[in-house]
PDB file of N, CA and C in Angstrom:
ATOM      1  N   MET A   1      26.685   8.763 -13.466  1.00  0.00           N
ATOM      2  CA  MET A   1      25.971   7.993 -12.198  1.00  0.00           C
ATOM      3  C   MET A   1      25.272   6.827 -12.754  1.00  0.00           C
ATOM      4  N   GLU A   2      24.572   7.081 -13.872  1.00  0.00           N
ATOM      5  CA  GLU A   2      23.946   5.700 -14.445  1.00  0.00           C
ATOM      6  C   GLU A   2      24.657   4.241 -14.468  1.00  0.00           C
ATOM      7  N   ALA A   3      25.974   4.516 -14.847  1.00  0.00           N
ATOM      8  CA  ALA A   3      27.048   3.392 -15.078  1.00  0.00           C
ATOM      9  C   ALA A   3      27.516   3.177 -13.416  1.00  0.00           C
ATOM     10  N   PHE A   4      27.249   3.674 -12.675  1.00  0.00           N
ATOM     11  CA  PHE A   4      27.994   3.696 -11.403  1.00  0.00           C
ATOM     12  C   PHE A   4      26.661   2.263 -10.219  1.00  0.00           C
ATOM     13  N   VAL A   5      25.343   2.778 -11.062  1.00  0.00           N
ATOM     14  CA  VAL A   5      24.299   2.045 -10.491  1.00  0.00           C
ATOM     15  C   VAL A   5      24.323   1.035 -11.527  1.00  0.00           C
ATOM     16  N   TYR A   6      24.722   0.371 -12.233  1.00  0.00           N
ATOM     17  CA  TYR A   6      24.704  -0.551 -13.424  1.00  0.00           C
ATOM     18  C   TYR A   6      26.102  -1.500 -13.230  1.00  0.00           C
ATOM     19  N   THR A   7      26.697  -0.793 -12.741  1.00  0.00           N
ATOM     20  CA  THR A   7      28.022  -1.430 -12.069  1.00  0.00           C
ATOM     21  C   THR A   7      27.614  -2.282 -10.726  1.00  0.00           C
ATOM     22  N   PHE A   8      26.771  -1.330  -9.639  1.00  0.00           N
ATOM     23  CA  PHE A   8      26.703  -2.312  -8.483  1.00  0.00           C
ATOM     24  C   PHE A   8      25.648  -3.136  -8.949  1.00  0.00           C
ATOM     25  N   LEU A   9      24.908  -2.900  -9.494  1.00  0.00           N
ATOM     26  CA  LEU A   9      23.637  -4.188  -9.691  1.00  0.00           C
ATOM     27  C   LEU A   9      24.199  -5.004 -10.249  1.00  0.00           C
ATOM     28  N   LEU A  10      25.115  -5.200 -11.147  1.00  0.00           N
ATOM     29  CA  LEU A  10      25.779  -6.403 -11.425  1.00  0.00           C
ATOM     30  C   LEU A  10      26.558  -6.900 -11.108  1.00  0.00           C
ATOM     31  N   VAL A  11      27.216  -6.247 -10.225  1.00  0.00           N
ATOM     32  CA  VAL A  11      28.100  -6.579  -9.057  1.00  0.00           C
ATOM     33  C   VAL A  11      27.118  -7.791  -7.554  1.00  0.00           C
ATOM     34  N   SER A  12      26.317  -6.965  -7.195  1.00  0.00           N
ATOM     35  CA  SER A  12      25.386  -7.689  -6.234  1.00  0.00           C
ATOM     36  C   SER A  12      24.730  -8.583  -6.843  1.00  0.00           C
ATOM     37  N   THR A  13      24.291  -8.865  -8.008  1.00  0.00           N
ATOM     38  CA  THR A  13      23.959  -9.895  -8.534  1.00  0.00           C
ATOM     39  C   THR A  13      24.531 -11.243  -8.497  1.00  0.00           C
ATOM     40  N   LEU A  14      25.876 -11.070  -9.399  1.00  0.00           N
ATOM     41  CA  LEU A  14      27.043 -11.915  -9.387  1.00  0.00           C
ATOM     42  C   LEU A  14      27.106 -12.684  -8.165  1.00  0.00           C
ATOM     43  N   GLY A  15      27.511 -11.495  -6.595  1.00  0.00           N
ATOM     44  CA  GLY A  15      27.638 -11.778  -5.976  1.00  0.00           C
ATOM     45  C   GLY A  15      26.811 -12.551  -5.226  1.00  0.00           C
ATOM     46  N   ILE A  16      25.548 -12.459  -5.466  1.00  0.00           N
ATOM     47  CA  ILE A  16      24.322 -12.977  -5.008  1.00  0.00           C
ATOM     48  C   ILE A  16      24.515 -14.788  -5.304  1.00  0.00           C
ATOM     49  N   ILE A  17      24.682 -14.882  -7.283  1.00  0.00           N
ATOM     50  CA  ILE A  17      24.461 -16.062  -7.470  1.00  0.00           C
ATOM     51  C   ILE A  17      25.816 -16.832  -6.877  1.00  0.00           C
ATOM     52  N   PHE A  18      26.704 -16.009  -6.975  1.00  0.00           N
ATOM     53  CA  PHE A  18      28.517 -16.725  -6.479  1.00  0.00           C
ATOM     54  C   PHE A  18      27.658 -17.381  -4.851  1.00  0.00           C
ATOM     55  N   PHE A  19      27.301 -16.865  -4.134  1.00  0.00           N
ATOM     56  CA  PHE A  19      27.115 -17.222  -2.550  1.00  0.00           C
ATOM     57  C   PHE A  19      26.188 -18.245  -2.912  1.00  0.00           C
ATOM     58  N   ALA A  20      25.492 -18.241  -3.258  1.00  0.00           N
ATOM     59  CA  ALA A  20      24.465 -18.985  -3.608  1.00  0.00           C
ATOM     60  C   ALA A  20      24.730 -20.460  -4.042  1.00  0.00           C
ATOM     61  N   ILE A  21      25.283 -20.716  -4.822  1.00  0.00           N
ATOM     62  CA  ILE A  21      26.252 -21.795  -5.388  1.00  0.00           C
ATOM     63  C   ILE A  21      27.293 -22.193  -4.316  1.00  0.00           C
ATOM     64  N   PHE A  22      28.178 -21.294  -3.851  1.00  0.00           N
ATOM     65  CA  PHE A  22      29.208 -21.684  -2.653  1.00  0.00           C
ATOM     66  C   PHE A  22      28.373 -22.151  -2.137  1.00  0.00           C
ATOM     67  N   PHE A  23      27.135 -21.973  -1.027  1.00  0.00           N
ATOM     68  CA  PHE A  23      26.777 -22.769   0.134  1.00  0.00           C
ATOM     69  C   PHE A  23      26.261 -23.560  -0.325  1.00  0.00           C
ATOM     70  N   ARG A  24      25.358 -23.619  -1.897  1.00  0.00           N
ATOM     71  CA  ARG A  24      24.571 -24.871  -1.931  1.00  0.00           C
ATOM     72  C   ARG A  24      25.281 -26.289  -1.946  1.00  0.00           C
ATOM     73  N   GLU A  25      26.492 -26.102  -2.817  1.00  0.00           N
ATOM     74  CA  GLU A  25      27.584 -27.456  -2.671  1.00  0.00           C
ATOM     75  C   GLU A  25      28.788 -26.984  -2.325  1.00  0.00           C
ATOM     76  N   PRO A  26      29.307 -27.520  -1.044  1.00  0.00           N
ATOM     77  CA  PRO A  26      30.989 -27.242  -0.260  1.00  0.00           C
ATOM     78  C   PRO A  26      32.151 -27.227  -1.942  1.00  0.00           C
ATOM     79  N   PRO A  27      32.855 -26.790  -2.047  1.00  0.00           N
ATOM     80  CA  PRO A  27      33.821 -26.561  -2.563  1.00  0.00           C
ATOM     81  C   PRO A  27      34.783 -27.775  -2.530  1.00  0.00           C
ATOM     82  N   LYS A  28      34.899 -28.876  -3.665  1.00  0.00           N
ATOM     83  CA  LYS A  28      35.683 -30.375  -3.319  1.00  0.00           C
ATOM     84  C   LYS A  28      36.974 -30.042  -3.280  1.00  0.00           C
ATOM     85  N   VAL A  29      37.459 -28.879  -4.028  1.00  0.00           N
ATOM     86  CA  VAL A  29      38.709 -28.422  -4.069  1.00  0.00           C
ATOM     87  C   VAL A  29      39.572 -27.213  -2.804  1.00  0.00           C
ATOM     88  N   PRO A  30      40.376 -27.860  -2.241  1.00  0.00           N
ATOM     89  CA  PRO A  30      40.428 -26.778  -1.315  1.00  0.00           C
ATOM     90  C   PRO A  30      40.740 -25.215  -1.745  1.00  0.00           C
ATOM     91  N   ILE A  31      40.665 -23.938  -1.359  1.00  0.00           N
ATOM     92  CA  ILE A  31      40.713 -22.849  -1.803  1.00  0.00           C
ATOM     93  C   ILE A  31      42.523 -22.390  -1.134  1.00  0.00           C
ATOM     94  N   LYS A  32      43.292 -22.247  -2.365  1.00  0.00           N
ATOM     95  CA  LYS A  32      44.842 -21.701  -1.239  1.00  0.00           C
ATOM     96  C   LYS A  32      44.684 -20.428  -1.708  1.00  0.00           C
ATOM     97  N   LYS A  33      44.977 -19.401  -0.835  1.00  0.00           N
ATOM     98  CA  LYS A  33      45.254 -18.249  -0.972  1.00  0.00           C
ATOM     99  C   LYS A  33      46.512 -17.749  -1.313  1.00  0.00           C
TER     100      LYS A  33
END
């Protein structure tokens, strides 16, 4: 159970940092799916 909590916290933290950087300055290179 602890592993799940730690994984959730890690993913959520990385997600927040990623969105913060992504919305702070728009990507200059178009993303291709």
